[in-house]
Amino acid sequence: MLSSKVFTRNKISKGSRAVVTGAGSGIGRAFALELARRGGRVVCSDLNPATATATAEAIQEQGGHALAVPCDVSRLEQVEALADRAQEWFGEAPTLVINNAGVGAGGKPVGEISMEDWHWVMGVNMWGVVHGCHVFTPRLRAGGGGGIINVCSTASFAAAPSMGPYNASKAAVLALSETLAAETAGAGITVTALCPTVVKTNIFRDGRIDDSVTPLMNKWVSLTGVSAEGVAATTLKALDKGRLYVLPQVDARLIWRAKRYLPATYARGAGLLSRFTLAKP
């Protein structure tokens, strides 16, 4: 049986009333399962009702409490409905919101990426998090505090070539997270921005990745990707300690430092690397 613990400000992840978007797979599913193991009640949201239900059922089979709610985070009215349903099920305001839902796109330079892909990526990755923060932050305030985890990516500052929409969307999420952290300082709300590099999820498989780079992406994930479970546990630990930034891998921290201290050299190096790795035969 999963233990039941009460929420405390110092340990937000313990016994939380949590809402997780993109909970049907990958990092979102890992967050949902880990929060349930920590005694939390979890609303598992996903665009795909079947995968949201599968995660909720996995929690229930372990003796936990979970509710599946389908939601397209790119649509404000659906996020509002998600918040209403979650608060109704909890009987009070949530204490933790994880804005995780995201999609991937890449393999073409700016100017060749279709506007359809631009709007698709920005709609989910950027507007989805904007909607989540807009809708849930007032509820957390009214409930006396809690936590918000926004899943950014190392792409939010790495600016790798041929990933324009993804980079731009994640950079916006990081800026929003920093802004929200400043605005909620002293309000009992902890904001944490998760910025991993490669995690073993299905984001590349299910994304809109150009066929010319798909094999490279898959190989990169298989060789260097870390588990979603490990990333979720690391992030929740950081949240409980009040940390804003979470860079769970060594390469993420190296890129962060290189971009900060040697920005021009970093940009030239990234461009040179892309010409070799993405060169077409």
C-alpha atoms as a PDB file:
ATOM      1  CA  MET A   1       0.000   0.000   0.000  1.00  0.00           C
ATOM      2  CA  LEU A   2       1.101   3.562  -0.687  1.00  0.00           C
ATOM      3  CA  SER A   3       1.493   5.584   2.461  1.00  0.00           C
ATOM      4  CA  SER A   4      -0.557   8.722   3.062  1.00  0.00           C
ATOM      5  CA  LYS A   5       1.234  11.802   4.313  1.00  0.00           C
ATOM      6  CA  VAL A   6       0.077  15.340   4.836  1.00  0.00           C
ATOM      7  CA  PHE A   7       1.353  18.268   2.778  1.00  0.00           C
ATOM      8  CA  THR A   8       3.940  20.529   4.349  1.00  0.00           C
ATOM      9  CA  ARG A   9       5.616  23.614   2.919  1.00  0.00           C
ATOM     10  CA  ASN A  10       9.057  22.104   3.385  1.00  0.00           C
ATOM     11  CA  LYS A  11       8.172  18.871   1.608  1.00  0.00           C
ATOM     12  CA  ILE A  12       5.786  19.833  -1.156  1.00  0.00           C
ATOM     13  CA  SER A  13       6.197  16.480  -2.872  1.00  0.00           C
ATOM     14  CA  LYS A  14       4.984  14.549   0.183  1.00  0.00           C
ATOM     15  CA  GLY A  15       1.272  13.841   0.353  1.00  0.00           C
ATOM     16  CA  SER A  16       0.547  16.358  -2.362  1.00  0.00           C
ATOM     17  CA  ARG A  17      -2.627  17.090  -4.252  1.00  0.00           C
ATOM     18  CA  ALA A  18      -0.962  17.049  -7.646  1.00  0.00           C
ATOM     19  CA  VAL A  19      -1.978  17.763 -11.224  1.00  0.00           C
ATOM     20  CA  VAL A  20       0.374  16.429 -13.892  1.00  0.00           C
ATOM     21  CA  THR A  21      -0.062  17.227 -17.594  1.00  0.00           C
ATOM     22  CA  GLY A  22       1.358  14.860 -20.186  1.00  0.00           C
ATOM     23  CA  ALA A  23       1.038  12.121 -17.564  1.00  0.00           C
ATOM     24  CA  GLY A  24       0.356   9.374 -20.079  1.00  0.00           C
ATOM     25  CA  SER A  25       4.013   8.628 -20.770  1.00  0.00           C
ATOM     26  CA  GLY A  26       7.632   9.631 -20.224  1.00  0.00           C
ATOM     27  CA  ILE A  27       8.524  12.204 -17.592  1.00  0.00           C
ATOM     28  CA  GLY A  28       4.886  12.994 -16.842  1.00  0.00           C
ATOM     29  CA  ARG A  29       4.063   9.371 -16.058  1.00  0.00           C
ATOM     30  CA  ALA A  30       7.205   9.099 -13.929  1.00  0.00           C
ATOM     31  CA  PHE A  31       6.200  12.200 -11.944  1.00  0.00           C
ATOM     32  CA  ALA A  32       2.689  10.843 -11.386  1.00  0.00           C
ATOM     33  CA  LEU A  33       3.888   7.451 -10.155  1.00  0.00           C
ATOM     34  CA  GLU A  34       6.564   8.946  -7.905  1.00  0.00           C
ATOM     35  CA  LEU A  35       4.139  11.427  -6.343  1.00  0.00           C
ATOM     36  CA  ALA A  36       1.717   8.599  -5.623  1.00  0.00           C
ATOM     37  CA  ARG A  37       4.526   6.645  -3.963  1.00  0.00           C
ATOM     38  CA  ARG A  38       5.074   9.689  -1.760  1.00  0.00           C
ATOM     39  CA  GLY A  39       1.489   9.534  -0.543  1.00  0.00           C
ATOM     40  CA  GLY A  40       0.003  12.013  -2.988  1.00  0.00           C
ATOM     41  CA  ARG A  41      -3.303  12.063  -4.805  1.00  0.00           C
ATOM     42  CA  VAL A  42      -2.676  12.616  -8.495  1.00  0.00           C
ATOM     43  CA  VAL A  43      -4.758  13.951 -11.359  1.00  0.00           C
ATOM     44  CA  CYS A  44      -3.222  12.371 -14.463  1.00  0.00           C
ATOM     45  CA  SER A  45      -3.903  14.539 -17.488  1.00  0.00           C
ATOM     46  CA  ASP A  46      -3.022  13.800 -21.089  1.00  0.00           C
ATOM     47  CA  LEU A  47      -4.236  14.588 -24.594  1.00  0.00           C
ATOM     48  CA  ASN A  48      -4.698  10.844 -25.044  1.00  0.00           C
ATOM     49  CA  PRO A  49      -7.442   9.621 -22.670  1.00  0.00           C
ATOM     50  CA  ALA A  50      -6.209   6.011 -22.917  1.00  0.00           C
ATOM     51  CA  THR A  51      -2.678   6.774 -21.708  1.00  0.00           C
ATOM     52  CA  ALA A  52      -3.951   9.063 -18.938  1.00  0.00           C
ATOM     53  CA  THR A  53      -6.198   6.239 -17.766  1.00  0.00           C
ATOM     54  CA  ALA A  54      -3.337   3.733 -17.943  1.00  0.00           C
ATOM     55  CA  THR A  55      -1.202   5.874 -15.625  1.00  0.00           C
ATOM     56  CA  ALA A  56      -4.071   6.404 -13.196  1.00  0.00           C
ATOM     57  CA  GLU A  57      -4.806   2.687 -13.139  1.00  0.00           C
ATOM     58  CA  ALA A  58      -1.136   1.885 -12.495  1.00  0.00           C
ATOM     59  CA  ILE A  59      -1.291   4.125  -9.428  1.00  0.00           C
ATOM     60  CA  GLN A  60      -4.546   2.605  -8.246  1.00  0.00           C
ATOM     61  CA  GLU A  61      -3.150  -0.918  -8.620  1.00  0.00           C
ATOM     62  CA  GLN A  62      -0.429   0.063  -6.130  1.00  0.00           C
ATOM     63  CA  GLY A  63      -3.010   1.271  -3.645  1.00  0.00           C
ATOM     64  CA  GLY A  64      -2.777   4.948  -4.565  1.00  0.00           C
ATOM     65  CA  HIS A  65      -5.371   7.525  -5.508  1.00  0.00           C
ATOM     66  CA  ALA A  66      -5.497   8.884  -9.055  1.00  0.00           C
ATOM     67  CA  LEU A  67      -7.939  10.397 -11.514  1.00  0.00           C
ATOM     68  CA  ALA A  68      -7.534  10.485 -15.301  1.00  0.00           C
ATOM     69  CA  VAL A  69      -8.637  13.678 -17.072  1.00  0.00           C
ATOM     70  CA  PRO A  70      -8.096  14.210 -20.817  1.00  0.00           C
ATOM     71  CA  CYS A  71      -6.869  17.701 -21.674  1.00  0.00           C
ATOM     72  CA  ASP A  72      -5.421  19.571 -24.639  1.00  0.00           C
ATOM     73  CA  VAL A  73      -3.191  22.084 -22.859  1.00  0.00           C
ATOM     74  CA  SER A  74      -3.007  24.296 -25.954  1.00  0.00           C
ATOM     75  CA  ARG A  75      -6.650  25.240 -25.301  1.00  0.00           C
ATOM     76  CA  LEU A  76      -7.260  27.505 -22.323  1.00  0.00           C
ATOM     77  CA  GLU A  77     -10.818  26.341 -21.770  1.00  0.00           C
ATOM     78  CA  GLN A  78      -9.666  22.738 -21.411  1.00  0.00           C
ATOM     79  CA  VAL A  79      -7.019  23.699 -18.843  1.00  0.00           C
ATOM     80  CA  GLU A  80      -9.668  25.620 -16.918  1.00  0.00           C
ATOM     81  CA  ALA A  81     -11.905  22.552 -17.012  1.00  0.00           C
ATOM     82  CA  LEU A  82      -8.971  20.428 -15.811  1.00  0.00           C
ATOM     83  CA  ALA A  83      -8.430  22.750 -12.841  1.00  0.00           C
ATOM     84  CA  ASP A  84     -12.125  22.700 -11.966  1.00  0.00           C
ATOM     85  CA  ARG A  85     -12.291  18.896 -12.155  1.00  0.00           C
ATOM     86  CA  ALA A  86      -9.119  18.511 -10.070  1.00  0.00           C
ATOM     87  CA  GLN A  87     -10.320  20.869  -7.350  1.00  0.00           C
ATOM     88  CA  GLU A  88     -13.686  19.108  -7.267  1.00  0.00           C
ATOM     89  CA  TRP A  89     -11.966  15.725  -6.851  1.00  0.00           C
ATOM     90  CA  PHE A  90      -9.497  16.958  -4.232  1.00  0.00           C
ATOM     91  CA  GLY A  91     -12.209  18.851  -2.365  1.00  0.00           C
ATOM     92  CA  GLU A  92      -9.810  21.792  -2.127  1.00  0.00           C
ATOM     93  CA  ALA A  93      -7.066  23.513  -4.097  1.00  0.00           C
ATOM     94  CA  PRO A  94      -4.155  21.501  -5.504  1.00  0.00           C
ATOM     95  CA  THR A  95      -0.778  21.860  -3.844  1.00  0.00           C
ATOM     96  CA  LEU A  96       1.408  20.898  -6.801  1.00  0.00           C
ATOM     97  CA  VAL A  97       1.097  21.456 -10.550  1.00  0.00           C
ATOM     98  CA  ILE A  98       3.512  19.934 -13.052  1.00  0.00           C
ATOM     99  CA  ASN A  99       3.300  21.524 -16.494  1.00  0.00           C
ATOM    100  CA  ASN A 100       4.964  18.706 -18.394  1.00  0.00           C
ATOM    101  CA  ALA A 101       2.991  18.178 -21.624  1.00  0.00           C
ATOM    102  CA  GLY A 102       5.225  18.810 -24.626  1.00  0.00           C
ATOM    103  CA  VAL A 103       5.969  17.884 -28.217  1.00  0.00           C
ATOM    104  CA  GLY A 104       9.154  17.751 -30.291  1.00  0.00           C
ATOM    105  CA  ALA A 105      10.006  19.055 -33.736  1.00  0.00           C
ATOM    106  CA  GLY A 106      13.273  19.598 -35.551  1.00  0.00           C
ATOM    107  CA  GLY A 107      15.651  18.709 -38.339  1.00  0.00           C
ATOM    108  CA  LYS A 108      15.161  21.798 -40.518  1.00  0.00           C
ATOM    109  CA  PRO A 109      16.524  25.352 -40.282  1.00  0.00           C
ATOM    110  CA  VAL A 110      14.393  28.429 -39.715  1.00  0.00           C
ATOM    111  CA  GLY A 111      12.759  29.316 -43.017  1.00  0.00           C
ATOM    112  CA  GLU A 112      12.229  25.693 -43.988  1.00  0.00           C
ATOM    113  CA  ILE A 113      10.178  24.625 -40.981  1.00  0.00           C
ATOM    114  CA  SER A 114       6.492  24.865 -41.840  1.00  0.00           C
ATOM    115  CA  MET A 115       4.379  27.437 -40.043  1.00  0.00           C
ATOM    116  CA  GLU A 116       2.033  24.598 -39.147  1.00  0.00           C
ATOM    117  CA  ASP A 117       4.838  22.990 -37.124  1.00  0.00           C
ATOM    118  CA  TRP A 118       5.716  26.334 -35.536  1.00  0.00           C
ATOM    119  CA  HIS A 119       2.142  26.833 -34.337  1.00  0.00           C
ATOM    120  CA  TRP A 120       1.818  23.207 -33.192  1.00  0.00           C
ATOM    121  CA  VAL A 121       4.980  23.309 -31.070  1.00  0.00           C
ATOM    122  CA  MET A 122       4.327  26.745 -29.610  1.00  0.00           C
ATOM    123  CA  GLY A 123       0.695  25.843 -28.910  1.00  0.00           C
ATOM    124  CA  VAL A 124       1.616  22.863 -26.723  1.00  0.00           C
ATOM    125  CA  ASN A 125       5.062  23.688 -25.348  1.00  0.00           C
ATOM    126  CA  MET A 126       4.650  27.418 -24.710  1.00  0.00           C
ATOM    127  CA  TRP A 127       0.939  28.181 -24.518  1.00  0.00           C
ATOM    128  CA  GLY A 128       0.297  24.931 -22.660  1.00  0.00           C
ATOM    129  CA  VAL A 129       2.574  26.072 -19.835  1.00  0.00           C
ATOM    130  CA  VAL A 130       1.259  29.647 -19.991  1.00  0.00           C
ATOM    131  CA  HIS A 131      -2.257  28.280 -19.604  1.00  0.00           C
ATOM    132  CA  GLY A 132      -1.201  26.031 -16.738  1.00  0.00           C
ATOM    133  CA  CYS A 133       0.487  28.850 -14.830  1.00  0.00           C
ATOM    134  CA  HIS A 134      -2.321  31.315 -15.580  1.00  0.00           C
ATOM    135  CA  VAL A 135      -5.054  28.980 -14.368  1.00  0.00           C
ATOM    136  CA  PHE A 136      -3.389  27.263 -11.416  1.00  0.00           C
ATOM    137  CA  THR A 137      -1.272  30.008  -9.815  1.00  0.00           C
ATOM    138  CA  PRO A 138      -4.280  31.881  -8.368  1.00  0.00           C
ATOM    139  CA  ARG A 139      -5.628  28.593  -6.996  1.00  0.00           C
ATOM    140  CA  LEU A 140      -2.321  27.803  -5.299  1.00  0.00           C
ATOM    141  CA  ARG A 141      -2.284  31.295  -3.798  1.00  0.00           C
ATOM    142  CA  ALA A 142      -5.839  30.900  -2.546  1.00  0.00           C
ATOM    143  CA  GLY A 143      -5.004  27.493  -1.105  1.00  0.00           C
ATOM    144  CA  GLY A 144      -2.061  28.823   0.882  1.00  0.00           C
ATOM    145  CA  GLY A 145       0.827  27.830  -1.381  1.00  0.00           C
ATOM    146  CA  GLY A 146       2.441  24.806  -2.965  1.00  0.00           C
ATOM    147  CA  GLY A 147       4.648  24.168  -5.957  1.00  0.00           C
ATOM    148  CA  ILE A 148       4.822  24.512  -9.718  1.00  0.00           C
ATOM    149  CA  ILE A 149       7.227  22.508 -11.854  1.00  0.00           C
ATOM    150  CA  ASN A 150       7.606  23.637 -15.441  1.00  0.00           C
ATOM    151  CA  VAL A 151       9.387  21.179 -17.728  1.00  0.00           C
ATOM    152  CA  CYS A 152      11.706  23.310 -19.832  1.00  0.00           C
ATOM    153  CA  SER A 153      14.727  21.552 -21.400  1.00  0.00           C
ATOM    154  CA  THR A 154      18.370  22.278 -21.969  1.00  0.00           C
ATOM    155  CA  ALA A 155      17.042  23.515 -25.322  1.00  0.00           C
ATOM    156  CA  SER A 156      15.745  26.548 -23.419  1.00  0.00           C
ATOM    157  CA  PHE A 157      19.294  27.921 -23.364  1.00  0.00           C
ATOM    158  CA  ALA A 158      21.353  25.633 -25.640  1.00  0.00           C
ATOM    159  CA  ALA A 159      19.809  26.969 -28.872  1.00  0.00           C
ATOM    160  CA  ALA A 160      20.922  23.982 -30.950  1.00  0.00           C
ATOM    161  CA  PRO A 161      20.584  24.521 -34.715  1.00  0.00           C
ATOM    162  CA  SER A 162      17.667  22.973 -36.635  1.00  0.00           C
ATOM    163  CA  MET A 163      15.420  23.039 -33.564  1.00  0.00           C
ATOM    164  CA  GLY A 164      14.004  26.550 -33.844  1.00  0.00           C
ATOM    165  CA  PRO A 165      10.411  26.003 -32.674  1.00  0.00           C
ATOM    166  CA  TYR A 166      11.411  23.676 -29.856  1.00  0.00           C
ATOM    167  CA  ASN A 167      14.178  26.007 -28.652  1.00  0.00           C
ATOM    168  CA  ALA A 168      11.950  29.065 -28.769  1.00  0.00           C
ATOM    169  CA  SER A 169       9.103  27.361 -26.930  1.00  0.00           C
ATOM    170  CA  LYS A 170      11.338  26.062 -24.160  1.00  0.00           C
ATOM    171  CA  ALA A 171      13.184  29.374 -23.797  1.00  0.00           C
ATOM    172  CA  ALA A 172       9.813  31.026 -23.254  1.00  0.00           C
ATOM    173  CA  VAL A 173       8.933  28.471 -20.570  1.00  0.00           C
ATOM    174  CA  LEU A 174      12.210  29.110 -18.751  1.00  0.00           C
ATOM    175  CA  ALA A 175      11.643  32.879 -18.845  1.00  0.00           C
ATOM    176  CA  LEU A 176       8.089  32.396 -17.601  1.00  0.00           C
ATOM    177  CA  SER A 177       9.325  30.183 -14.766  1.00  0.00           C
ATOM    178  CA  GLU A 178      11.884  32.795 -13.687  1.00  0.00           C
ATOM    179  CA  THR A 179       9.240  35.528 -13.830  1.00  0.00           C
ATOM    180  CA  LEU A 180       6.744  33.477 -11.844  1.00  0.00           C
ATOM    181  CA  ALA A 181       9.374  32.610  -9.233  1.00  0.00           C
ATOM    182  CA  ALA A 182       9.985  36.320  -8.670  1.00  0.00           C
ATOM    183  CA  GLU A 183       6.281  37.135  -8.554  1.00  0.00           C
ATOM    184  CA  THR A 184       5.454  34.397  -6.042  1.00  0.00           C
ATOM    185  CA  ALA A 185       8.420  34.988  -3.741  1.00  0.00           C
ATOM    186  CA  GLY A 186       7.072  35.129  -0.215  1.00  0.00           C
ATOM    187  CA  ALA A 187       3.697  33.719  -1.243  1.00  0.00           C
ATOM    188  CA  GLY A 188       4.481  30.146  -0.212  1.00  0.00           C
ATOM    189  CA  ILE A 189       4.766  28.959  -3.825  1.00  0.00           C
ATOM    190  CA  THR A 190       7.951  27.268  -5.031  1.00  0.00           C
ATOM    191  CA  VAL A 191       8.627  27.375  -8.780  1.00  0.00           C
ATOM    192  CA  THR A 192      11.075  24.880 -10.268  1.00  0.00           C
ATOM    193  CA  ALA A 193      12.272  24.780 -13.884  1.00  0.00           C
ATOM    194  CA  LEU A 194      13.430  21.362 -15.069  1.00  0.00           C
ATOM    195  CA  CYS A 195      16.070  21.564 -17.817  1.00  0.00           C
ATOM    196  CA  PRO A 196      17.275  18.064 -18.817  1.00  0.00           C
ATOM    197  CA  THR A 197      19.133  17.087 -21.946  1.00  0.00           C
ATOM    198  CA  VAL A 198      18.124  13.664 -23.297  1.00  0.00           C
ATOM    199  CA  VAL A 199      15.621  11.571 -21.364  1.00  0.00           C
ATOM    200  CA  LYS A 200      14.398   8.174 -22.503  1.00  0.00           C
ATOM    201  CA  THR A 201      10.860   9.127 -23.535  1.00  0.00           C
ATOM    202  CA  ASN A 202       8.823   8.972 -26.735  1.00  0.00           C
ATOM    203  CA  ILE A 203       9.030  12.691 -27.548  1.00  0.00           C
ATOM    204  CA  PHE A 204      11.236  12.122 -30.608  1.00  0.00           C
ATOM    205  CA  ARG A 205       9.225   9.145 -31.793  1.00  0.00           C
ATOM    206  CA  ASP A 206       5.914  10.970 -31.511  1.00  0.00           C
ATOM    207  CA  GLY A 207       7.196  14.376 -32.584  1.00  0.00           C
ATOM    208  CA  ARG A 208       7.619  15.957 -35.991  1.00  0.00           C
ATOM    209  CA  ILE A 209      11.287  15.221 -36.591  1.00  0.00           C
ATOM    210  CA  ASP A 210      12.702  15.365 -40.117  1.00  0.00           C
ATOM    211  CA  ASP A 211      13.495  11.880 -41.434  1.00  0.00           C
ATOM    212  CA  SER A 212      17.083  12.901 -42.160  1.00  0.00           C
ATOM    213  CA  VAL A 213      17.886  13.276 -38.450  1.00  0.00           C
ATOM    214  CA  THR A 214      15.542  10.733 -36.871  1.00  0.00           C
ATOM    215  CA  PRO A 215      18.202   7.939 -36.765  1.00  0.00           C
ATOM    216  CA  LEU A 216      20.658  10.360 -35.124  1.00  0.00           C
ATOM    217  CA  MET A 217      18.101  11.398 -32.507  1.00  0.00           C
ATOM    218  CA  ASN A 218      17.214   7.793 -31.705  1.00  0.00           C
ATOM    219  CA  LYS A 219      20.876   6.847 -31.342  1.00  0.00           C
ATOM    220  CA  TRP A 220      21.497   9.866 -29.129  1.00  0.00           C
ATOM    221  CA  VAL A 221      18.655   8.834 -26.831  1.00  0.00           C
ATOM    222  CA  SER A 222      19.799   5.215 -26.630  1.00  0.00           C
ATOM    223  CA  LEU A 223      23.419   6.145 -25.853  1.00  0.00           C
ATOM    224  CA  THR A 224      23.041   9.113 -23.513  1.00  0.00           C
ATOM    225  CA  GLY A 225      19.437   9.229 -22.367  1.00  0.00           C
ATOM    226  CA  VAL A 226      18.690   8.869 -18.672  1.00  0.00           C
ATOM    227  CA  SER A 227      15.561   7.389 -17.144  1.00  0.00           C
ATOM    228  CA  ALA A 228      12.446   9.470 -16.678  1.00  0.00           C
ATOM    229  CA  GLU A 229      12.087   7.987 -13.190  1.00  0.00           C
ATOM    230  CA  GLY A 230      15.475   9.313 -12.118  1.00  0.00           C
ATOM    231  CA  VAL A 231      14.750  12.770 -13.498  1.00  0.00           C
ATOM    232  CA  ALA A 232      11.387  12.906 -11.706  1.00  0.00           C
ATOM    233  CA  ALA A 233      12.890  11.914  -8.355  1.00  0.00           C
ATOM    234  CA  THR A 234      15.748  14.408  -8.710  1.00  0.00           C
ATOM    235  CA  THR A 235      13.362  17.213  -9.597  1.00  0.00           C
ATOM    236  CA  LEU A 236      11.003  16.563  -6.708  1.00  0.00           C
ATOM    237  CA  LYS A 237      13.950  16.577  -4.325  1.00  0.00           C
ATOM    238  CA  ALA A 238      15.026  19.947  -5.734  1.00  0.00           C
ATOM    239  CA  LEU A 239      11.480  21.285  -5.414  1.00  0.00           C
ATOM    240  CA  ASP A 240      11.395  20.324  -1.755  1.00  0.00           C
ATOM    241  CA  LYS A 241      14.639  22.238  -1.270  1.00  0.00           C
ATOM    242  CA  GLY A 242      13.210  25.335  -2.956  1.00  0.00           C
ATOM    243  CA  ARG A 243      15.471  25.270  -6.004  1.00  0.00           C
ATOM    244  CA  LEU A 244      14.515  27.164  -9.149  1.00  0.00           C
ATOM    245  CA  TYR A 245      16.792  25.415 -11.647  1.00  0.00           C
ATOM    246  CA  VAL A 246      17.184  21.651 -12.058  1.00  0.00           C
ATOM    247  CA  LEU A 247      19.850  20.452 -14.495  1.00  0.00           C
ATOM    248  CA  PRO A 248      19.846  16.720 -13.767  1.00  0.00           C
ATOM    249  CA  GLN A 249      22.684  15.657 -16.062  1.00  0.00           C
ATOM    250  CA  VAL A 250      26.369  16.526 -16.337  1.00  0.00           C
ATOM    251  CA  ASP A 251      26.068  17.569 -19.985  1.00  0.00           C
ATOM    252  CA  ALA A 252      23.216  19.938 -19.135  1.00  0.00           C
ATOM    253  CA  ARG A 253      25.371  21.656 -16.527  1.00  0.00           C
ATOM    254  CA  LEU A 254      28.341  21.860 -18.912  1.00  0.00           C
ATOM    255  CA  ILE A 255      26.210  23.447 -21.624  1.00  0.00           C
ATOM    256  CA  TRP A 256      24.772  25.891 -19.080  1.00  0.00           C
ATOM    257  CA  ARG A 257      28.254  27.028 -18.055  1.00  0.00           C
ATOM    258  CA  ALA A 258      29.613  27.169 -21.600  1.00  0.00           C
ATOM    259  CA  LYS A 259      26.688  29.258 -22.791  1.00  0.00           C
ATOM    260  CA  ARG A 260      27.004  31.599 -19.812  1.00  0.00           C
ATOM    261  CA  TYR A 261      30.756  32.171 -19.772  1.00  0.00           C
ATOM    262  CA  LEU A 262      31.721  31.675 -23.441  1.00  0.00           C
ATOM    263  CA  PRO A 263      28.601  32.579 -25.438  1.00  0.00           C
ATOM    264  CA  ALA A 264      30.306  33.476 -28.728  1.00  0.00           C
ATOM    265  CA  THR A 265      32.566  30.425 -28.677  1.00  0.00           C
ATOM    266  CA  TYR A 266      29.619  28.237 -27.783  1.00  0.00           C
ATOM    267  CA  ALA A 267      27.536  29.546 -30.701  1.00  0.00           C
ATOM    268  CA  ARG A 268      30.340  28.940 -33.203  1.00  0.00           C
ATOM    269  CA  GLY A 269      30.930  25.463 -31.830  1.00  0.00           C
ATOM    270  CA  ALA A 270      27.247  24.557 -31.990  1.00  0.00           C
ATOM    271  CA  GLY A 271      27.074  25.722 -35.580  1.00  0.00           C
ATOM    272  CA  LEU A 272      30.176  23.784 -36.578  1.00  0.00           C
ATOM    273  CA  LEU A 273      28.921  20.625 -34.864  1.00  0.00           C
ATOM    274  CA  SER A 274      25.555  20.854 -36.614  1.00  0.00           C
ATOM    275  CA  ARG A 275      27.187  21.081 -40.022  1.00  0.00           C
ATOM    276  CA  PHE A 276      28.919  17.744 -39.384  1.00  0.00           C
ATOM    277  CA  THR A 277      26.125  15.886 -37.642  1.00  0.00           C
ATOM    278  CA  LEU A 278      23.238  17.098 -39.779  1.00  0.00           C
ATOM    279  CA  ALA A 279      25.029  17.130 -43.118  1.00  0.00           C
ATOM    280  CA  LYS A 280      23.032  15.341 -45.792  1.00  0.00           C
ATOM    281  CA  PRO A 281      24.806  12.711 -47.912  1.00  0.00           C
END
